N, C-alpha and C. Protein backbone atom coordinates (compact mmCIF):
# COMPACT_ATOMS: atom_id res chain seq x y z
N UNK A 1 158.17 71.36 161.51
CA UNK A 1 156.65 71.48 161.34
C UNK A 1 155.97 72.24 162.01
N UNK A 2 156.06 72.04 163.04
CA UNK A 2 154.43 73.06 163.98
C UNK A 2 155.66 74.50 164.41
N UNK A 3 157.28 74.12 164.63
CA UNK A 3 158.08 75.19 164.21
C UNK A 3 158.32 75.99 163.36
N UNK A 4 158.45 75.45 161.70
CA UNK A 4 158.00 76.26 160.50
C UNK A 4 156.48 77.06 160.59
N UNK A 5 155.43 76.09 160.92
CA UNK A 5 154.38 77.18 160.73
C UNK A 5 154.23 78.56 162.23
N UNK A 6 155.00 77.42 163.11
CA UNK A 6 154.54 78.87 164.62
C UNK A 6 155.84 80.35 164.29
N UNK A 7 157.06 79.94 163.52
CA UNK A 7 157.97 80.69 163.54
C UNK A 7 156.84 81.96 162.00
N UNK A 8 156.27 81.55 161.24
CA UNK A 8 155.58 82.20 160.12
C UNK A 8 154.95 82.77 160.55
N UNK A 9 153.97 82.08 161.13
CA UNK A 9 152.50 82.94 161.38
C UNK A 9 152.62 84.08 163.22
N UNK A 10 154.08 83.26 163.62
CA UNK A 10 154.55 84.41 164.72
C UNK A 10 154.44 86.34 164.06
N UNK A 11 154.86 86.88 162.48
CA UNK A 11 155.63 87.54 161.53
C UNK A 11 154.43 87.97 161.81
N UNK A 12 153.89 89.35 162.42
CA UNK A 12 152.81 89.86 161.25
C UNK A 12 152.98 90.90 160.34
N UNK A 13 153.52 90.17 159.61
CA UNK A 13 153.22 90.59 157.70
C UNK A 13 152.95 88.89 157.62
N UNK A 14 153.80 87.91 157.59
CA UNK A 14 153.49 87.20 156.91
C UNK A 14 152.13 86.51 157.88
N UNK A 15 151.75 86.64 158.44
CA UNK A 15 150.33 85.77 159.09
C UNK A 15 149.88 86.97 158.18
N UNK A 16 149.25 88.14 158.79
CA UNK A 16 148.25 89.09 157.40
C UNK A 16 148.18 87.62 155.94
N UNK A 17 149.31 87.85 155.18
CA UNK A 17 149.40 87.79 153.67
C UNK A 17 148.65 86.20 154.09
N UNK A 18 148.86 85.64 155.01
CA UNK A 18 148.46 84.07 154.80
C UNK A 18 147.09 84.04 155.02
N UNK A 19 146.35 84.78 155.95
CA UNK A 19 144.95 84.75 156.52
C UNK A 19 143.98 85.89 155.22
N UNK A 20 144.44 86.88 154.34
CA UNK A 20 144.96 87.28 153.61
C UNK A 20 144.36 86.48 152.34
N UNK A 21 145.50 85.39 152.24
CA UNK A 21 145.11 84.16 151.05
C UNK A 21 144.47 83.02 151.59
N UNK A 22 144.20 82.65 152.19
CA UNK A 22 142.72 82.27 152.30
C UNK A 22 141.50 82.53 152.37
N UNK A 23 141.66 83.94 152.93
CA UNK A 23 139.72 84.65 152.95
C UNK A 23 139.94 84.55 151.13
N UNK A 24 141.35 84.86 150.12
CA UNK A 24 141.08 85.51 148.69
C UNK A 24 140.25 83.70 148.23
N UNK A 25 141.05 82.76 148.65
CA UNK A 25 140.37 82.12 148.23
C UNK A 25 138.90 81.39 148.41
N UNK A 26 139.16 81.05 149.28
CA UNK A 26 137.23 81.31 150.18
C UNK A 26 136.33 81.43 149.60
N UNK A 27 136.91 83.53 149.31
CA UNK A 27 135.70 84.19 147.96
C UNK A 27 135.90 83.15 146.45
N UNK A 28 136.74 83.36 146.39
CA UNK A 28 136.71 83.28 144.72
C UNK A 28 136.30 81.74 144.28
N UNK A 29 136.43 80.88 145.34
CA UNK A 29 135.96 79.74 145.37
C UNK A 29 134.42 79.35 145.63
N UNK A 30 133.54 80.21 146.35
CA UNK A 30 132.88 80.84 145.55
C UNK A 30 131.75 81.20 145.39
N UNK A 31 132.43 81.87 144.07
CA UNK A 31 132.38 82.90 143.32
C UNK A 31 132.33 81.71 142.30
N UNK A 32 133.75 80.31 142.05
CA UNK A 32 133.01 79.76 140.85
C UNK A 32 131.71 78.86 141.04
N UNK A 33 131.76 78.51 142.24
CA UNK A 33 130.91 77.58 142.37
C UNK A 33 129.00 78.44 141.52
N UNK A 34 129.00 79.37 142.36
CA UNK A 34 128.36 80.15 141.46
C UNK A 34 128.01 80.77 139.54
N UNK A 35 129.21 80.29 139.93
CA UNK A 35 130.00 80.80 137.92
C UNK A 35 129.31 79.75 136.76
N UNK A 36 130.47 78.60 137.61
CA UNK A 36 129.78 77.32 137.48
C UNK A 36 128.42 76.62 136.74
N UNK A 37 127.80 77.44 137.45
CA UNK A 37 125.71 77.45 137.11
C UNK A 37 126.18 78.08 136.12
N UNK A 38 126.14 79.65 135.93
CA UNK A 38 125.15 80.09 134.71
C UNK A 38 126.41 79.95 133.96
N UNK A 39 127.33 79.72 133.74
CA UNK A 39 128.52 79.29 132.56
C UNK A 39 127.69 77.80 132.33
N UNK A 40 127.39 76.70 132.94
CA UNK A 40 126.99 75.64 132.35
C UNK A 40 125.64 75.70 131.46
N UNK A 41 125.13 76.65 132.00
CA UNK A 41 123.52 77.43 131.16
C UNK A 41 123.74 77.81 129.19
N UNK A 42 124.84 78.58 129.24
CA UNK A 42 125.23 79.58 127.74
C UNK A 42 125.23 78.42 127.02
N UNK A 43 125.05 78.90 125.65
CA UNK A 43 126.16 78.07 124.43
C UNK A 43 126.92 78.79 123.79
N UNK A 44 127.74 78.18 123.50
CA UNK A 44 129.34 78.61 123.13
C UNK A 44 129.89 77.93 121.82
N UNK A 45 130.57 77.97 120.91
CA UNK A 45 131.25 77.81 119.67
C UNK A 45 131.69 76.50 119.99
N UNK A 46 130.98 75.41 118.57
CA UNK A 46 131.39 74.46 118.22
C UNK A 46 132.73 75.65 118.18
N UNK A 47 134.36 73.91 118.20
CA UNK A 47 135.92 74.11 117.91
C UNK A 47 136.47 72.80 117.48
N UNK A 48 136.94 73.09 116.15
CA UNK A 48 136.59 71.93 114.62
C UNK A 48 138.70 71.16 115.68
N UNK A 49 138.40 70.33 116.47
CA UNK A 49 139.74 70.31 116.62
C UNK A 49 140.48 68.65 116.23
N UNK A 50 141.33 68.70 115.75
CA UNK A 50 142.07 68.11 114.59
C UNK A 50 142.41 66.56 115.15
N UNK A 51 142.97 66.72 116.76
CA UNK A 51 143.11 65.54 117.54
C UNK A 51 142.35 64.70 117.64
N UNK A 52 140.86 65.29 117.66
CA UNK A 52 139.59 64.43 118.77
C UNK A 52 139.59 64.04 117.95
N UNK A 53 139.37 64.73 116.11
CA UNK A 53 139.17 63.62 115.63
C UNK A 53 139.93 61.97 115.61
N UNK A 54 141.18 62.09 115.67
CA UNK A 54 142.16 61.05 115.08
C UNK A 54 141.18 60.11 115.42
N UNK A 55 140.88 59.81 117.33
CA UNK A 55 140.53 58.61 118.22
C UNK A 55 138.69 58.85 118.46
N UNK A 56 138.28 57.35 118.82
CA UNK A 56 137.11 57.53 119.35
C UNK A 56 137.68 57.88 121.28
N UNK A 57 136.46 58.36 121.54
CA UNK A 57 136.64 58.92 122.92
C UNK A 57 137.04 57.39 123.56
N UNK A 58 137.74 57.30 125.50
CA UNK A 58 138.26 56.61 125.68
C UNK A 58 137.41 56.97 127.33
N UNK A 59 137.27 56.38 128.07
CA UNK A 59 137.05 56.15 129.69
C UNK A 59 137.55 55.87 130.06
N UNK A 60 138.41 57.20 130.37
CA UNK A 60 139.79 56.06 131.26
C UNK A 60 139.32 58.31 133.62
N UNK A 61 138.42 57.63 133.46
CA UNK A 61 138.12 58.84 134.73
C UNK A 61 138.77 57.54 135.90
N UNK A 62 138.58 57.04 135.97
CA UNK A 62 139.28 55.94 137.53
C UNK A 62 140.81 56.96 137.19
N UNK A 63 141.65 56.75 136.25
CA UNK A 63 143.30 56.72 136.02
C UNK A 63 143.22 58.20 136.16
N UNK A 64 142.19 59.04 135.68
CA UNK A 64 142.51 60.36 135.39
C UNK A 64 141.99 60.98 137.53
N UNK A 65 141.07 60.81 137.88
CA UNK A 65 140.95 60.78 138.99
C UNK A 65 141.54 60.76 140.30
N UNK A 66 142.33 59.45 139.78
CA UNK A 66 143.48 59.01 141.66
C UNK A 66 144.96 59.65 141.16
N UNK A 67 145.07 60.41 139.61
CA UNK A 67 146.23 60.56 138.61
C UNK A 67 145.56 62.11 139.55
N UNK A 68 145.13 62.68 139.16
CA UNK A 68 144.71 64.32 140.05
C UNK A 68 145.31 64.50 141.67
N UNK A 69 144.04 63.81 142.20
CA UNK A 69 144.43 63.81 143.53
C UNK A 69 145.27 63.03 144.67
N UNK A 70 145.66 62.36 143.85
CA UNK A 70 146.40 61.85 143.97
C UNK A 70 148.57 62.63 144.40
N UNK A 71 148.38 62.74 143.19
CA UNK A 71 149.55 63.85 143.11
C UNK A 71 149.15 65.51 144.10
N UNK A 72 147.89 66.11 143.12
CA UNK A 72 148.20 67.28 144.60
C UNK A 72 147.12 66.55 145.88
N UNK A 73 147.77 65.70 146.35
CA UNK A 73 147.62 65.02 147.89
C UNK A 73 149.05 65.10 148.56
N UNK A 74 149.62 64.63 147.28
CA UNK A 74 151.01 64.58 147.58
C UNK A 74 152.02 65.41 147.39
N UNK A 75 151.45 66.65 146.05
CA UNK A 75 152.32 67.79 146.72
C UNK A 75 151.77 68.95 147.90
N UNK A 76 150.60 68.37 148.44
CA UNK A 76 149.92 68.97 149.42
C UNK A 76 150.96 68.74 150.94
N UNK A 77 151.26 67.60 150.67
CA UNK A 77 152.50 66.33 151.96
C UNK A 77 153.61 66.94 152.01
N UNK A 78 154.07 66.78 151.02
CA UNK A 78 155.35 67.30 150.29
C UNK A 78 155.74 69.17 151.16
N UNK A 79 155.09 70.42 151.32
CA UNK A 79 154.59 71.53 151.46
C UNK A 79 154.69 71.94 152.69
N UNK A 80 153.70 70.20 153.20
CA UNK A 80 153.05 71.01 154.91
C UNK A 80 154.30 71.80 155.73
N UNK A 81 155.39 71.37 155.56
CA UNK A 81 156.32 72.12 156.27
C UNK A 81 157.23 73.41 156.07
N UNK A 82 156.43 73.25 154.98
CA UNK A 82 157.01 74.90 153.99
C UNK A 82 155.59 75.89 153.59
N UNK A 83 155.31 76.55 154.98
CA UNK A 83 154.21 77.52 154.62
C UNK A 83 154.50 78.35 153.90
N UNK A 84 155.34 78.97 152.71
CA UNK A 84 155.44 80.16 152.93
C UNK A 84 155.14 79.45 150.82
N UNK A 85 155.18 77.67 151.28
CA UNK A 85 155.12 77.27 149.27
C UNK A 85 152.77 77.58 149.62
N UNK A 86 153.07 76.67 151.36
CA UNK A 86 150.93 76.65 151.14
C UNK A 86 150.71 77.71 151.01
N UNK A 87 150.98 78.28 151.34
CA UNK A 87 150.97 80.34 150.75
C UNK A 87 150.25 80.51 149.35
N UNK A 88 151.33 80.24 148.22
CA UNK A 88 152.12 80.57 147.53
C UNK A 88 150.76 79.66 146.30
N UNK A 89 151.20 78.35 147.10
CA UNK A 89 150.11 77.51 146.59
C UNK A 89 148.35 77.98 146.05
N UNK A 90 147.75 78.36 147.18
CA UNK A 90 146.72 78.57 147.89
C UNK A 90 146.50 80.29 146.51
N UNK A 91 147.68 81.18 147.04
CA UNK A 91 147.43 81.78 146.62
C UNK A 91 147.25 81.63 144.08
N UNK A 92 148.37 81.40 144.45
CA UNK A 92 148.28 81.30 143.02
C UNK A 92 147.35 80.26 142.13
N UNK A 93 146.65 79.36 143.06
CA UNK A 93 145.11 78.89 142.44
C UNK A 93 143.83 80.00 143.00
N UNK A 94 144.34 80.66 143.56
CA UNK A 94 142.70 81.81 143.92
C UNK A 94 143.25 82.63 142.74
N UNK A 95 144.29 83.18 141.85
CA UNK A 95 144.36 83.61 141.18
C UNK A 95 143.94 83.15 139.69
N UNK A 96 144.06 82.00 139.38
CA UNK A 96 144.24 80.68 138.29
C UNK A 96 142.88 80.73 138.77
N UNK A 97 142.03 80.09 139.32
CA UNK A 97 140.71 80.08 139.45
C UNK A 97 139.32 81.44 139.00
N UNK A 98 140.46 82.83 138.92
CA UNK A 98 139.80 83.64 138.60
C UNK A 98 140.41 83.73 136.97
N UNK A 99 141.36 83.51 136.96
CA UNK A 99 141.59 83.60 135.36
C UNK A 99 141.10 83.08 134.62
N UNK A 100 141.03 81.70 135.13
CA UNK A 100 139.43 80.57 134.70
C UNK A 100 138.87 81.34 134.61
N UNK A 101 137.72 82.41 135.18
CA UNK A 101 135.80 82.43 134.82
C UNK A 101 136.36 83.48 133.69
N UNK A 102 137.03 84.07 134.33
CA UNK A 102 137.95 85.27 132.92
C UNK A 102 137.55 84.99 131.13
N UNK A 103 138.37 82.94 131.31
CA UNK A 103 138.91 83.08 129.97
C UNK A 103 137.33 81.83 129.84
N UNK A 104 136.52 81.19 130.75
CA UNK A 104 135.10 80.82 129.41
C UNK A 104 134.44 81.14 129.88
N UNK A 105 134.65 82.65 130.33
CA UNK A 105 132.68 83.64 129.67
C UNK A 105 133.70 84.90 128.48
N UNK A 106 135.36 84.31 128.72
CA UNK A 106 135.51 85.48 127.45
C UNK A 106 135.14 84.11 126.14
N UNK A 107 135.59 83.11 126.00
CA UNK A 107 135.58 81.51 125.51
C UNK A 107 134.59 81.14 125.84
N UNK A 108 133.70 80.91 125.18
CA UNK A 108 132.06 79.86 125.95
C UNK A 108 132.50 78.82 124.68
N UNK A 109 132.91 78.02 124.93
CA UNK A 109 132.58 77.20 123.79
C UNK A 109 131.98 75.45 124.58
N UNK A 110 131.62 74.53 122.90
CA UNK A 110 130.19 73.18 122.80
C UNK A 110 131.57 72.46 123.42
N UNK A 111 130.91 71.11 123.74
CA UNK A 111 131.66 70.11 124.96
C UNK A 111 131.50 69.76 123.27
N UNK A 112 132.93 68.75 123.73
CA UNK A 112 133.75 68.79 122.08
C UNK A 112 132.68 66.54 121.40
N UNK A 113 133.25 66.78 120.70
CA UNK A 113 132.17 65.96 120.46
C UNK A 113 132.31 64.68 120.25
N UNK A 114 131.33 64.22 121.31
CA UNK A 114 131.95 62.47 121.84
C UNK A 114 132.16 62.38 122.48
N UNK A 115 132.49 63.35 124.03
CA UNK A 115 132.65 63.68 124.77
C UNK A 115 132.28 62.67 125.90
N UNK A 116 132.90 62.20 127.23
CA UNK A 116 132.28 61.00 128.17
C UNK A 116 132.68 61.72 129.59
N UNK A 117 131.30 62.47 129.93
CA UNK A 117 131.93 63.23 130.59
C UNK A 117 133.06 62.02 132.15
N UNK A 118 133.49 63.14 132.25
CA UNK A 118 134.30 62.70 134.02
C UNK A 118 133.91 62.18 134.73
N UNK A 119 134.11 61.34 135.80
CA UNK A 119 133.47 60.71 136.87
C UNK A 119 134.65 61.46 137.45
N UNK A 120 134.73 62.74 138.12
CA UNK A 120 135.07 63.06 139.36
C UNK A 120 133.85 63.35 140.38
N UNK A 121 134.17 62.36 141.03
CA UNK A 121 132.83 62.39 142.85
C UNK A 121 133.68 63.71 143.23
N UNK A 122 134.26 64.29 143.65
CA UNK A 122 134.74 64.88 144.79
C UNK A 122 134.27 66.23 144.16
N UNK A 123 134.78 66.59 142.42
CA UNK A 123 134.11 67.87 141.55
C UNK A 123 133.03 67.58 141.47
N UNK A 124 131.51 66.93 141.38
CA UNK A 124 130.65 66.69 140.96
C UNK A 124 129.97 66.82 142.01
N UNK A 125 129.82 66.76 143.00
CA UNK A 125 129.43 66.95 144.66
C UNK A 125 129.79 67.98 145.50
N UNK A 126 130.36 69.17 144.61
CA UNK A 126 131.23 70.25 145.34
C UNK A 126 130.93 71.55 144.50
N UNK A 127 132.31 71.81 143.02
CA UNK A 127 131.57 72.88 142.18
C UNK A 127 129.82 72.14 141.69
N UNK A 128 130.21 71.00 140.61
CA UNK A 128 128.94 70.81 139.86
C UNK A 128 128.40 71.30 140.42
N UNK A 129 128.29 70.88 141.69
CA UNK A 129 126.23 70.60 142.11
C UNK A 129 125.71 69.31 141.51
N UNK A 130 125.97 68.73 141.71
CA UNK A 130 125.43 67.17 141.16
C UNK A 130 125.32 67.33 139.78
N UNK A 131 125.58 67.52 139.23
CA UNK A 131 125.27 67.52 137.95
C UNK A 131 126.89 67.67 136.66
N UNK A 132 127.19 66.84 136.00
CA UNK A 132 128.04 66.54 135.58
C UNK A 132 128.11 68.15 134.54
N UNK A 133 129.61 68.95 134.54
CA UNK A 133 129.93 69.59 133.82
C UNK A 133 130.25 69.89 132.07
N UNK A 134 129.69 70.43 131.19
CA UNK A 134 130.40 70.20 129.63
C UNK A 134 131.29 71.37 129.14
N UNK A 135 130.70 72.45 130.26
CA UNK A 135 130.90 73.70 129.09
C UNK A 135 132.65 73.76 130.04
N UNK A 136 133.02 73.16 130.96
CA UNK A 136 134.32 73.36 131.60
C UNK A 136 135.05 73.48 130.49
N UNK A 137 135.69 73.97 130.53
CA UNK A 137 136.93 73.91 128.88
C UNK A 137 138.24 74.77 129.25
N UNK A 138 137.84 75.86 128.67
CA UNK A 138 139.84 76.56 127.98
C UNK A 138 139.93 77.71 129.90
N UNK A 139 140.79 77.23 130.39
CA UNK A 139 141.65 76.32 130.42
C UNK A 139 140.86 75.03 130.67
N UNK A 140 142.07 73.94 130.69
CA UNK A 140 141.77 72.57 132.00
C UNK A 140 142.01 72.99 133.20
N UNK A 141 141.56 72.84 133.99
CA UNK A 141 142.06 72.86 135.83
C UNK A 141 142.20 72.18 135.83
N UNK A 142 142.71 70.87 135.92
CA UNK A 142 143.09 69.61 136.29
C UNK A 142 144.60 70.30 135.59
N UNK A 143 144.87 70.37 134.76
CA UNK A 143 146.17 70.17 133.90
C UNK A 143 146.97 71.20 134.43
N UNK A 144 146.17 73.04 134.93
CA UNK A 144 146.62 73.67 135.41
C UNK A 144 147.04 73.66 136.94
N UNK A 145 146.55 72.89 137.13
CA UNK A 145 146.51 72.92 139.23
C UNK A 145 147.36 72.06 139.21
N UNK A 146 147.84 70.96 138.70
CA UNK A 146 148.88 70.29 138.58
C UNK A 146 150.22 71.21 138.08
N UNK A 147 150.43 71.92 137.08
CA UNK A 147 151.97 72.73 136.74
C UNK A 147 151.55 73.71 138.27
N UNK A 148 150.88 73.78 139.14
CA UNK A 148 150.93 75.10 139.96
C UNK A 148 152.58 74.09 140.54
N UNK A 149 152.42 73.25 141.28
CA UNK A 149 152.77 73.26 141.75
C UNK A 149 154.88 72.94 140.92
N UNK A 150 154.70 72.75 139.67
CA UNK A 150 156.28 71.94 138.94
C UNK A 150 156.69 73.32 139.64
N UNK A 151 155.88 74.85 138.72
CA UNK A 151 156.15 76.13 138.89
C UNK A 151 156.62 76.79 140.36
N UNK A 152 156.08 75.96 141.68
CA UNK A 152 155.90 76.62 142.95
C UNK A 152 157.86 76.09 143.38
N UNK A 153 157.62 74.93 143.07
CA UNK A 153 158.65 73.78 144.18
C UNK A 153 159.20 74.39 143.74
N UNK A 154 160.55 74.01 143.88
CA UNK A 154 162.15 73.95 143.93
C UNK A 154 163.09 73.45 143.04
N UNK A 155 163.54 72.24 143.53
CA UNK A 155 163.73 71.46 143.31
C UNK A 155 162.57 70.76 142.16
N UNK A 156 164.48 70.48 141.23
CA UNK A 156 164.55 70.32 140.08
C UNK A 156 164.21 68.64 139.94
N UNK A 157 163.93 68.40 141.00
CA UNK A 157 163.62 66.59 140.64
C UNK A 157 161.90 66.24 141.23
N UNK A 158 161.84 67.61 141.94
CA UNK A 158 159.66 67.68 142.50
C UNK A 158 159.04 68.45 141.01
N UNK A 159 160.07 68.72 140.58
CA UNK A 159 159.70 69.97 138.78
C UNK A 159 159.16 69.16 138.26
N UNK A 160 160.53 67.66 138.35
CA UNK A 160 160.72 67.06 136.79
C UNK A 160 159.26 65.73 137.22
N UNK A 161 159.19 65.36 138.06
CA UNK A 161 158.02 64.01 138.37
C UNK A 161 156.04 64.83 138.80
N UNK A 162 155.84 66.14 139.08
CA UNK A 162 154.60 66.39 138.88
C UNK A 162 153.97 67.06 137.79
N UNK A 163 155.40 67.93 136.82
CA UNK A 163 155.07 68.15 135.02
C UNK A 163 154.60 67.11 134.22
N UNK A 164 155.94 66.02 134.94
CA UNK A 164 154.75 63.98 133.57
C UNK A 164 153.69 63.48 134.68
N UNK A 165 153.77 64.35 135.32
CA UNK A 165 152.23 63.89 135.95
C UNK A 165 151.53 65.14 135.20
N UNK A 166 151.16 66.14 135.52
CA UNK A 166 150.38 66.88 134.67
C UNK A 166 150.50 66.42 133.46
N UNK A 167 151.16 66.43 132.47
CA UNK A 167 151.02 65.93 130.69
C UNK A 167 150.33 65.16 131.36
N UNK A 168 150.90 63.87 131.25
CA UNK A 168 150.14 62.49 131.39
C UNK A 168 148.87 63.29 131.11
N UNK A 169 148.17 63.73 132.58
CA UNK A 169 147.28 63.55 133.17
C UNK A 169 145.72 64.96 131.71
N UNK A 170 146.24 65.68 131.57
CA UNK A 170 146.69 66.19 130.19
C UNK A 170 146.15 65.12 128.84
N UNK A 171 146.65 64.60 128.57
CA UNK A 171 146.40 63.54 127.28
C UNK A 171 145.22 63.02 127.77
N UNK A 172 145.38 62.58 128.92
CA UNK A 172 144.51 60.88 129.28
C UNK A 172 142.98 62.17 128.87
N UNK A 173 143.29 63.55 128.90
CA UNK A 173 141.65 63.97 129.29
C UNK A 173 141.50 64.11 128.09
N UNK A 174 142.31 64.62 127.20
CA UNK A 174 142.08 64.55 125.54
C UNK A 174 141.16 63.45 125.68
N UNK A 175 142.39 62.13 125.50
CA UNK A 175 141.92 61.12 125.49
C UNK A 175 139.83 60.20 125.14
N UNK A 176 139.44 61.30 126.71
CA UNK A 176 138.48 61.16 126.49
C UNK A 176 137.50 62.13 125.98
N UNK A 177 138.24 63.46 125.86
CA UNK A 177 137.29 64.40 125.45
C UNK A 177 136.68 64.73 126.12
N UNK A 178 137.09 65.25 126.89
CA UNK A 178 136.55 65.84 128.32
C UNK A 178 136.79 67.91 127.80
N UNK A 179 138.68 67.35 127.56
CA UNK A 179 138.98 68.85 126.62
C UNK A 179 139.36 68.93 125.46
N UNK A 180 139.02 70.40 124.54
CA UNK A 180 140.43 70.11 123.81
C UNK A 180 141.82 70.08 124.38
N UNK A 181 143.07 69.74 122.55
CA UNK A 181 143.54 69.84 122.97
C UNK A 181 144.28 71.42 123.53
N UNK A 182 143.65 72.61 122.78
CA UNK A 182 143.89 73.97 122.69
C UNK A 182 143.79 73.94 124.68
N UNK A 183 142.84 73.98 124.87
CA UNK A 183 142.40 73.69 126.87
C UNK A 183 143.64 72.92 127.54
N UNK A 184 144.51 72.12 127.26
CA UNK A 184 145.47 71.34 128.00
C UNK A 184 146.81 72.33 127.95
N UNK A 185 147.14 72.63 126.41
CA UNK A 185 147.85 72.95 126.15
C UNK A 185 147.78 74.22 127.02
N UNK A 186 147.20 75.49 126.41
CA UNK A 186 147.35 76.69 127.18
C UNK A 186 147.00 76.24 129.20
N UNK A 187 146.72 74.84 129.80
CA UNK A 187 147.37 75.10 130.47
C UNK A 187 148.30 75.28 131.52
N UNK A 188 149.60 75.38 131.50
CA UNK A 188 150.64 75.79 131.79
C UNK A 188 151.25 76.72 132.11
N UNK A 189 150.55 77.17 130.69
CA UNK A 189 150.63 79.01 130.54
C UNK A 189 150.06 79.44 131.36
N UNK A 190 149.40 79.44 131.90
CA UNK A 190 148.31 79.75 133.29
C UNK A 190 148.10 79.90 134.90
N UNK A 191 149.26 79.50 134.45
CA UNK A 191 149.38 78.04 135.63
C UNK A 191 150.42 79.16 136.29
N UNK A 192 151.72 78.83 134.87
CA UNK A 192 153.22 79.58 134.83
C UNK A 192 152.34 81.66 135.43
N UNK A 193 152.00 81.77 134.78
CA UNK A 193 151.01 82.98 134.82
C UNK A 193 150.41 83.61 136.13
N UNK A 194 149.62 82.86 136.92
CA UNK A 194 149.44 82.18 138.32
C UNK A 194 150.59 82.77 138.97
N UNK A 195 151.20 81.90 138.91
CA UNK A 195 152.09 81.88 140.45
C UNK A 195 153.41 83.16 140.30
N UNK A 196 152.95 83.45 138.49
CA UNK A 196 154.21 84.90 138.84
C UNK A 196 153.24 86.13 139.57
N UNK A 197 152.45 86.11 139.01
CA UNK A 197 151.10 87.11 139.64
C UNK A 197 151.33 86.88 141.04
N UNK A 198 150.95 86.01 141.73
CA UNK A 198 151.42 86.36 143.47
C UNK A 198 152.16 86.44 143.63
N UNK A 199 152.91 85.54 142.86
CA UNK A 199 155.14 86.22 143.75
C UNK A 199 154.91 87.94 142.96
N UNK A 200 154.63 88.35 142.35
CA UNK A 200 154.80 89.92 142.13
C UNK A 200 153.79 91.29 143.35
N UNK A 201 152.15 90.66 143.39
CA UNK A 201 151.51 90.48 144.43
C UNK A 201 152.64 91.05 145.69
N UNK A 202 153.31 89.42 146.38
CA UNK A 202 153.27 89.89 147.69
C UNK A 202 155.08 90.98 147.61
N UNK A 203 155.13 90.44 146.27
CA UNK A 203 156.63 91.21 146.57
C UNK A 203 156.10 92.59 146.36
N UNK A 204 155.58 93.44 145.82
CA UNK A 204 154.96 94.75 145.89
C UNK A 204 154.17 94.89 147.92
N UNK A 205 153.38 93.98 148.28
CA UNK A 205 152.97 93.90 149.54
C UNK A 205 153.94 94.57 150.10
N UNK A 206 155.07 93.86 150.26
CA UNK A 206 156.35 93.41 151.38
C UNK A 206 156.36 94.87 150.47
N UNK A 207 157.04 95.79 149.23
CA UNK A 207 157.65 96.17 149.83
C UNK A 207 157.05 98.27 150.05
N UNK A 208 155.20 97.83 150.15
CA UNK A 208 154.66 99.26 150.57
C UNK A 208 154.78 98.96 151.92
N UNK A 209 154.98 98.17 152.55
CA UNK A 209 155.44 97.22 153.75
C UNK A 209 156.68 98.28 154.54
N UNK A 210 157.61 98.08 153.21
CA UNK A 210 158.80 98.41 154.08
C UNK A 210 159.05 100.26 153.92
N UNK A 211 158.31 100.10 153.23
CA UNK A 211 158.19 102.06 152.54
C UNK A 211 157.35 102.35 153.96
N UNK A 212 156.37 101.95 154.35
CA UNK A 212 155.32 102.79 155.49
C UNK A 212 155.92 102.91 157.01
N UNK A 213 157.24 101.76 156.55
CA UNK A 213 158.12 101.38 157.77
C UNK A 213 158.72 102.30 158.25
C-alpha cells in the first residue's frame, strides 16, 4: 500500500490532481455546511408520493446508520491501496455535493408527511449543526454516496455488493419517510453523472498537460 501511494504521489501530475481534489472537497463540504442551514429555513413544495401513502413510517435509523457507514468505510478500506480510486471517490463526491446543492436549491420540497427524522449522529453534529434537517431531500445523499462506489469499482462482485446495499438503504429511507421515492430513484443517476464528470475533467486536464509539454 505504501509503495502504491509513494509511486502515485511521486508523479507531479497525479500529486497535483490529488491535492487539488482534496482542496476542492474541503471547500465544497464547507459550502455545503452553510448551504444546509440556509436551505432548512426555506419554504418548499408539497409532493404527493403515492408510494409513501401506502404505509406508515417506521423508525429504521439504527439499521440505516450501520448500513450507510459500514459500507462507506468498507469501500474506503478496500480502496486504500489504490490512490486513483480514492482520488476518484473524493472528486466524484465533491462534484455530487455541488450538484446536490443545485438540486436542493432548484427543487425545494416540503418534508414527506409522517416523516420520522433520521437519527444520524455523524450528520447531526457535523453538517446538520445539531438539528434535524428535514429539507435535505432531492436527491438522497446517503443513497448516492454508496452508488459512487458502484460506478468507481472495477470488479463486478464489488459493484453488485454496493449496488445491493445502496438499493436496500434507499428502501429503508423511503420506509421511514425520510425521503420521497423520487429522491432515492434519482440518486444512482446523479452518482453516475458525478463519476463520469470527474473522469471527463481528469482526461481534459491530462490532455492539456500533454499539449503543454
